[in-house]
C-alpha atoms as a PDB file:
ATOM      1  CA  MET A   1     -48.541  59.676  -8.001  1.00  0.00           C
ATOM      2  CA  ASP A   2     -51.440  61.301  -6.139  1.00  0.00           C
ATOM      3  CA  LEU A   3     -49.572  60.952  -2.843  1.00  0.00           C
ATOM      4  CA  TYR A   4     -46.416  62.324  -4.472  1.00  0.00           C
ATOM      5  CA  LYS A   5     -48.353  65.419  -5.600  1.00  0.00           C
ATOM      6  CA  SER A   6     -50.050  65.750  -2.232  1.00  0.00           C
ATOM      7  CA  ILE A   7     -46.722  65.644  -0.370  1.00  0.00           C
ATOM      8  CA  ASN A   8     -45.212  68.240  -2.697  1.00  0.00           C
ATOM      9  CA  GLN A   9     -48.211  70.515  -2.220  1.00  0.00           C
ATOM     10  CA  LYS A  10     -47.937  70.183   1.549  1.00  0.00           C
ATOM     11  CA  TYR A  11     -44.234  71.090   1.524  1.00  0.00           C
ATOM     12  CA  SER A  12     -44.868  74.073  -0.764  1.00  0.00           C
ATOM     13  CA  ARG A  13     -47.643  75.333   1.501  1.00  0.00           C
ATOM     14  CA  LEU A  14     -45.424  75.057   4.571  1.00  0.00           C
ATOM     15  CA  PHE A  15     -42.609  76.851   2.730  1.00  0.00           C
ATOM     16  CA  ARG A  16     -44.935  79.742   1.899  1.00  0.00           C
ATOM     17  CA  GLU A  17     -45.953  79.937   5.560  1.00  0.00           C
ATOM     18  CA  HIS A  18     -42.586  79.488   7.263  1.00  0.00           C
ATOM     19  CA  GLY A  19     -39.877  80.270   4.698  1.00  0.00           C
ATOM     20  CA  ASP A  20     -36.335  79.058   5.388  1.00  0.00           C
ATOM     21  CA  SER A  21     -37.249  77.127   8.523  1.00  0.00           C
ATOM     22  CA  ALA A  22     -37.201  73.592   9.876  1.00  0.00           C
ATOM     23  CA  LYS A  23     -41.004  73.871  10.042  1.00  0.00           C
ATOM     24  CA  SER A  24     -41.106  73.983   6.234  1.00  0.00           C
ATOM     25  CA  VAL A  25     -39.634  70.470   6.092  1.00  0.00           C
ATOM     26  CA  MET A  26     -41.885  69.262   8.924  1.00  0.00           C
ATOM     27  CA  ILE A  27     -39.082  68.930  11.452  1.00  0.00           C
ATOM     28  CA  PRO A  28     -39.408  70.441  14.944  1.00  0.00           C
ATOM     29  CA  LYS A  29     -36.590  72.983  15.274  1.00  0.00           C
ATOM     30  CA  ASN A  30     -34.858  71.326  18.222  1.00  0.00           C
ATOM     31  CA  ASN A  31     -34.777  67.952  16.446  1.00  0.00           C
ATOM     32  CA  GLN A  32     -33.028  68.957  13.236  1.00  0.00           C
ATOM     33  CA  GLU A  33     -29.441  69.256  14.415  1.00  0.00           C
ATOM     34  CA  VAL A  34     -29.492  66.075  16.513  1.00  0.00           C
ATOM     35  CA  ARG A  35     -30.550  64.199  13.387  1.00  0.00           C
ATOM     36  CA  PHE A  36     -27.755  65.793  11.385  1.00  0.00           C
ATOM     37  CA  ASN A  37     -25.194  65.090  14.099  1.00  0.00           C
ATOM     38  CA  SER A  38     -25.956  61.363  14.060  1.00  0.00           C
ATOM     39  CA  ILE A  39     -24.485  61.432  10.553  1.00  0.00           C
ATOM     40  CA  ALA A  40     -21.846  64.153  10.966  1.00  0.00           C
ATOM     41  CA  ALA A  41     -20.276  62.333  13.927  1.00  0.00           C
ATOM     42  CA  ARG A  42     -19.481  59.428  11.603  1.00  0.00           C
ATOM     43  CA  ILE A  43     -17.891  61.450   8.782  1.00  0.00           C
ATOM     44  CA  PRO A  44     -14.138  62.024   9.078  1.00  0.00           C
ATOM     45  CA  LYS A  45     -12.909  65.591   8.624  1.00  0.00           C
ATOM     46  CA  ASN A  46      -9.466  64.650   7.347  1.00  0.00           C
ATOM     47  CA  ARG A  47     -10.501  63.049   4.032  1.00  0.00           C
ATOM     48  CA  ASN A  48     -11.799  64.407   0.753  1.00  0.00           C
ATOM     49  CA  LEU A  49     -15.268  62.863   0.522  1.00  0.00           C
ATOM     50  CA  SER A  50     -18.351  63.307  -1.625  1.00  0.00           C
ATOM     51  CA  TYR A  51     -21.692  63.414   0.196  1.00  0.00           C
ATOM     52  CA  LEU A  52     -25.175  63.287  -1.320  1.00  0.00           C
ATOM     53  CA  ASP A  53     -28.072  64.703   0.706  1.00  0.00           C
ATOM     54  CA  TYR A  54     -30.991  62.715  -0.740  1.00  0.00           C
ATOM     55  CA  GLY A  55     -34.105  64.710   0.032  1.00  0.00           C
ATOM     56  CA  CYS A  56     -32.132  67.840   0.886  1.00  0.00           C
ATOM     57  CA  GLY A  57     -35.105  70.120   1.518  1.00  0.00           C
ATOM     58  CA  LEU A  58     -33.785  73.658   2.051  1.00  0.00           C
ATOM     59  CA  GLY A  59     -30.121  72.665   2.361  1.00  0.00           C
ATOM     60  CA  HIS A  60     -30.058  72.784   6.157  1.00  0.00           C
ATOM     61  CA  GLN A  61     -27.782  69.745   6.442  1.00  0.00           C
ATOM     62  CA  MET A  62     -25.197  71.492   4.253  1.00  0.00           C
ATOM     63  CA  LYS A  63     -25.324  74.550   6.542  1.00  0.00           C
ATOM     64  CA  TYR A  64     -24.796  72.264   9.531  1.00  0.00           C
ATOM     65  CA  PHE A  65     -21.753  70.646   7.915  1.00  0.00           C
ATOM     66  CA  ASN A  66     -20.377  74.104   7.128  1.00  0.00           C
ATOM     67  CA  LYS A  67     -20.846  75.154  10.739  1.00  0.00           C
ATOM     68  CA  LEU A  68     -18.780  72.152  11.822  1.00  0.00           C
ATOM     69  CA  GLU A  69     -16.134  73.122   9.246  1.00  0.00           C
ATOM     70  CA  TYR A  70     -16.204  70.041   7.048  1.00  0.00           C
ATOM     71  CA  LYS A  71     -14.004  71.828   4.538  1.00  0.00           C
ATOM     72  CA  SER A  72     -12.983  68.686   2.624  1.00  0.00           C
ATOM     73  CA  LEU A  73     -16.550  67.427   2.187  1.00  0.00           C
ATOM     74  CA  SER A  74     -18.038  67.890  -1.293  1.00  0.00           C
ATOM     75  CA  TYR A  75     -21.800  68.253  -0.772  1.00  0.00           C
ATOM     76  CA  SER A  76     -24.595  67.734  -3.323  1.00  0.00           C
ATOM     77  CA  GLY A  77     -28.359  67.622  -2.871  1.00  0.00           C
ATOM     78  CA  VAL A  78     -31.354  65.929  -4.504  1.00  0.00           C
ATOM     79  CA  GLU A  79     -34.905  67.228  -4.036  1.00  0.00           C
ATOM     80  CA  ILE A  80     -38.373  66.495  -5.448  1.00  0.00           C
ATOM     81  CA  ASN A  81     -40.034  69.753  -4.422  1.00  0.00           C
ATOM     82  CA  PRO A  82     -39.575  72.505  -7.052  1.00  0.00           C
ATOM     83  CA  ASP A  83     -39.880  75.342  -4.513  1.00  0.00           C
ATOM     84  CA  PHE A  84     -37.179  73.860  -2.288  1.00  0.00           C
ATOM     85  CA  LEU A  85     -34.974  73.178  -5.303  1.00  0.00           C
ATOM     86  CA  LYS A  86     -35.328  76.741  -6.576  1.00  0.00           C
ATOM     87  CA  PHE A  87     -34.480  78.119  -3.118  1.00  0.00           C
ATOM     88  CA  CYS A  88     -31.325  75.995  -2.836  1.00  0.00           C
ATOM     89  CA  ARG A  89     -30.099  76.813  -6.345  1.00  0.00           C
ATOM     90  CA  THR A  90     -30.727  80.528  -5.762  1.00  0.00           C
ATOM     91  CA  ASN A  91     -29.145  80.809  -2.326  1.00  0.00           C
ATOM     92  CA  TYR A  92     -26.202  78.385  -2.420  1.00  0.00           C
ATOM     93  CA  SER A  93     -23.933  79.145  -5.348  1.00  0.00           C
ATOM     94  CA  GLY A  94     -21.305  76.629  -6.396  1.00  0.00           C
ATOM     95  CA  VAL A  95     -23.260  73.663  -4.971  1.00  0.00           C
ATOM     96  CA  ASP A  96     -24.897  70.969  -7.104  1.00  0.00           C
ATOM     97  CA  PHE A  97     -28.626  70.597  -6.429  1.00  0.00           C
ATOM     98  CA  PHE A  98     -30.472  68.099  -8.609  1.00  0.00           C
ATOM     99  CA  ASP A  99     -34.115  67.546  -9.385  1.00  0.00           C
ATOM    100  CA  TYR A 100     -35.076  63.975  -8.465  1.00  0.00           C
ATOM    101  CA  HIS A 101     -35.803  62.883 -12.043  1.00  0.00           C
ATOM    102  CA  GLU A 102     -32.818  64.791 -13.427  1.00  0.00           C
ATOM    103  CA  PHE A 103     -30.544  63.049 -10.942  1.00  0.00           C
ATOM    104  CA  TRP A 104     -31.665  59.504 -11.746  1.00  0.00           C
ATOM    105  CA  ALA A 105     -31.346  60.101 -15.477  1.00  0.00           C
ATOM    106  CA  ASP A 106     -27.558  60.062 -15.027  1.00  0.00           C
ATOM    107  CA  PRO A 107     -26.558  59.243 -11.424  1.00  0.00           C
ATOM    108  CA  LYS A 108     -22.957  59.232 -10.240  1.00  0.00           C
ATOM    109  CA  PRO A 109     -21.403  57.520  -7.216  1.00  0.00           C
ATOM    110  CA  TYR A 110     -20.781  59.208  -3.860  1.00  0.00           C
ATOM    111  CA  ASN A 111     -18.646  58.162  -0.925  1.00  0.00           C
ATOM    112  CA  MET A 112     -21.553  58.692   1.438  1.00  0.00           C
ATOM    113  CA  ILE A 113     -25.274  59.256   1.004  1.00  0.00           C
ATOM    114  CA  GLY A 114     -27.653  60.504   3.674  1.00  0.00           C
ATOM    115  CA  CYS A 115     -31.458  60.428   3.836  1.00  0.00           C
ATOM    116  CA  VAL A 116     -32.682  62.551   6.740  1.00  0.00           C
ATOM    117  CA  GLY A 117     -36.460  62.591   7.031  1.00  0.00           C
ATOM    118  CA  THR A 118     -36.691  61.578   3.371  1.00  0.00           C
ATOM    119  CA  PHE A 119     -38.848  58.518   3.990  1.00  0.00           C
ATOM    120  CA  ASN A 120     -40.855  59.713   6.987  1.00  0.00           C
ATOM    121  CA  LEU A 121     -44.004  60.334   4.945  1.00  0.00           C
ATOM    122  CA  ARG A 122     -46.122  57.696   3.230  1.00  0.00           C
ATOM    123  CA  TYR A 123     -45.568  57.626  -0.543  1.00  0.00           C
ATOM    124  CA  SER A 124     -47.686  54.524  -1.190  1.00  0.00           C
ATOM    125  CA  GLU A 125     -51.001  53.486   0.339  1.00  0.00           C
ATOM    126  CA  ASN A 126     -50.526  49.758  -0.188  1.00  0.00           C
ATOM    127  CA  ASN A 127     -46.790  49.023  -0.218  1.00  0.00           C
ATOM    128  CA  ASN A 128     -44.754  51.885   1.204  1.00  0.00           C
ATOM    129  CA  PHE A 129     -41.862  49.643   2.188  1.00  0.00           C
ATOM    130  CA  GLY A 130     -41.746  48.355  -1.392  1.00  0.00           C
ATOM    131  CA  PHE A 131     -41.245  51.926  -2.591  1.00  0.00           C
ATOM    132  CA  ILE A 132     -38.577  52.580   0.068  1.00  0.00           C
ATOM    133  CA  ARG A 133     -36.847  49.269  -0.660  1.00  0.00           C
ATOM    134  CA  ASN A 134     -36.491  50.162  -4.343  1.00  0.00           C
ATOM    135  CA  GLU A 135     -35.137  53.611  -3.484  1.00  0.00           C
ATOM    136  CA  ILE A 136     -32.589  52.165  -1.058  1.00  0.00           C
ATOM    137  CA  ILE A 137     -31.420  49.579  -3.601  1.00  0.00           C
ATOM    138  CA  ARG A 138     -30.852  52.343  -6.151  1.00  0.00           C
ATOM    139  CA  LEU A 139     -29.010  54.470  -3.600  1.00  0.00           C
ATOM    140  CA  TRP A 140     -26.857  51.555  -2.444  1.00  0.00           C
ATOM    141  CA  GLY A 141     -25.843  51.034  -6.062  1.00  0.00           C
ATOM    142  CA  ILE A 142     -24.162  54.473  -6.100  1.00  0.00           C
ATOM    143  CA  THR A 143     -22.837  54.381  -2.510  1.00  0.00           C
ATOM    144  CA  LYS A 144     -19.096  53.807  -2.281  1.00  0.00           C
ATOM    145  CA  GLU A 145     -18.819  53.589   1.507  1.00  0.00           C
ATOM    146  CA  ILE A 146     -21.786  54.398   3.773  1.00  0.00           C
ATOM    147  CA  LEU A 147     -25.537  54.891   3.367  1.00  0.00           C
ATOM    148  CA  PHE A 148     -27.291  56.750   6.227  1.00  0.00           C
ATOM    149  CA  LEU A 149     -31.059  56.268   6.579  1.00  0.00           C
ATOM    150  CA  ASN A 150     -33.058  58.245   9.129  1.00  0.00           C
ATOM    151  CA  PHE A 151     -36.448  56.735  10.024  1.00  0.00           C
ATOM    152  CA  MET A 152     -39.154  57.211  12.594  1.00  0.00           C
ATOM    153  CA  SER A 153     -39.555  54.140  14.780  1.00  0.00           C
ATOM    154  CA  ASN A 154     -42.740  52.094  14.921  1.00  0.00           C
ATOM    155  CA  GLN A 155     -42.182  51.630  18.661  1.00  0.00           C
ATOM    156  CA  VAL A 156     -44.299  54.654  19.547  1.00  0.00           C
ATOM    157  CA  ASP A 157     -47.670  55.381  21.138  1.00  0.00           C
ATOM    158  CA  PHE A 158     -48.966  57.582  18.315  1.00  0.00           C
ATOM    159  CA  ILE A 159     -48.545  57.745  14.534  1.00  0.00           C
ATOM    160  CA  GLN A 160     -49.698  60.889  12.755  1.00  0.00           C
ATOM    161  CA  ASP A 161     -51.894  60.475   9.695  1.00  0.00           C
ATOM    162  CA  GLY A 162     -49.723  60.257   6.574  1.00  0.00           C
ATOM    163  CA  ALA A 163     -46.519  59.586   8.515  1.00  0.00           C
ATOM    164  CA  TYR A 164     -44.441  56.460   7.982  1.00  0.00           C
ATOM    165  CA  HIS A 165     -42.748  54.645  10.854  1.00  0.00           C
ATOM    166  CA  GLN A 166     -40.338  51.937   9.690  1.00  0.00           C
ATOM    167  CA  ASP A 167     -40.150  48.564  11.412  1.00  0.00           C
ATOM    168  CA  LEU A 168     -36.480  48.084  12.309  1.00  0.00           C
ATOM    169  CA  GLY A 169     -36.529  44.298  12.045  1.00  0.00           C
ATOM    170  CA  MET A 170     -37.877  44.428   8.488  1.00  0.00           C
ATOM    171  CA  LEU A 171     -35.181  46.926   7.502  1.00  0.00           C
ATOM    172  CA  TYR A 172     -32.427  44.851   9.117  1.00  0.00           C
ATOM    173  CA  GLU A 173     -33.553  41.636   7.404  1.00  0.00           C
ATOM    174  CA  PHE A 174     -33.738  43.401   4.036  1.00  0.00           C
ATOM    175  CA  SER A 175     -30.239  44.849   4.388  1.00  0.00           C
ATOM    176  CA  CYS A 176     -28.695  41.575   5.486  1.00  0.00           C
ATOM    177  CA  LYS A 177     -30.239  39.677   2.583  1.00  0.00           C
ATOM    178  CA  GLU A 178     -29.790  42.210  -0.217  1.00  0.00           C
ATOM    179  CA  LEU A 179     -27.254  44.900   0.727  1.00  0.00           C
ATOM    180  CA  SER A 180     -24.756  44.415   3.543  1.00  0.00           C
ATOM    181  CA  ARG A 181     -24.491  42.836   6.976  1.00  0.00           C
ATOM    182  CA  ILE A 182     -22.184  45.613   8.150  1.00  0.00           C
ATOM    183  CA  ILE A 183     -24.809  47.674   9.937  1.00  0.00           C
ATOM    184  CA  GLU A 184     -24.885  50.223  12.738  1.00  0.00           C
ATOM    185  CA  ILE A 185     -28.053  51.522  14.397  1.00  0.00           C
ATOM    186  CA  ASP A 186     -28.127  54.835  16.275  1.00  0.00           C
ATOM    187  CA  SER A 187     -31.299  55.238  18.327  1.00  0.00           C
ATOM    188  CA  SER A 188     -29.679  57.388  21.004  1.00  0.00           C
ATOM    189  CA  TYR A 189     -30.555  60.910  19.875  1.00  0.00           C
ATOM    190  CA  LEU A 190     -34.383  60.936  19.922  1.00  0.00           C
ATOM    191  CA  PRO A 191     -36.814  58.511  21.575  1.00  0.00           C
ATOM    192  CA  TYR A 192     -38.982  57.904  18.502  1.00  0.00           C
ATOM    193  CA  GLU A 193     -36.530  57.610  15.606  1.00  0.00           C
ATOM    194  CA  TYR A 194     -33.194  56.142  14.555  1.00  0.00           C
ATOM    195  CA  THR A 195     -30.460  56.253  11.952  1.00  0.00           C
ATOM    196  CA  PHE A 196     -29.832  52.985  10.116  1.00  0.00           C
ATOM    197  CA  ILE A 197     -26.254  52.957   8.820  1.00  0.00           C
ATOM    198  CA  ILE A 198     -25.207  50.505   6.096  1.00  0.00           C
ATOM    199  CA  LYS A 199     -21.485  50.106   5.339  1.00  0.00           C
ATOM    200  CA  ARG A 200     -19.533  48.423   2.588  1.00  0.00           C
ATOM    201  CA  SER A 201     -16.580  47.583   4.828  1.00  0.00           C
END
């Protein structure tokens, strides 16, 4: 809980400093769209689909989808930070943005769910993967088709204090045993991170 509060305070401070910017969600500006495109490239434009942005920040992924004219994609967002949530609800009318606890009180299924940068900070000192594992299991339970998970790789020379870099082998073994063996890994867009894509069929 202390880490949860600390992370929220950090995001709120950055938002006060940088406003509606990738810096407020701790993403270097030039890296944001390549992350989003790893997901967008795998979403068909000719189907009516529901998409949940889990850890939506300031709604930048929705703006990216709109720029690419995903007109048949029904977007919703979930966020833990109250300042981000207030910004999204104020600036994007007609879009569902849920508080984290509000969402899990009565979750509904989505065709596709994406987590971009959601798990790149450490939420637990002792068992961060245990926390992430439980979140993924819950998300997989409401995923109809595809779950997209963006992580920083542990195959790097430097790890910033408080950051979380996910071991790919551990994630793969977990998915194969408990979720699905239909997996795609995209590590082509940045040298120090990847998108782990879990499919139902």
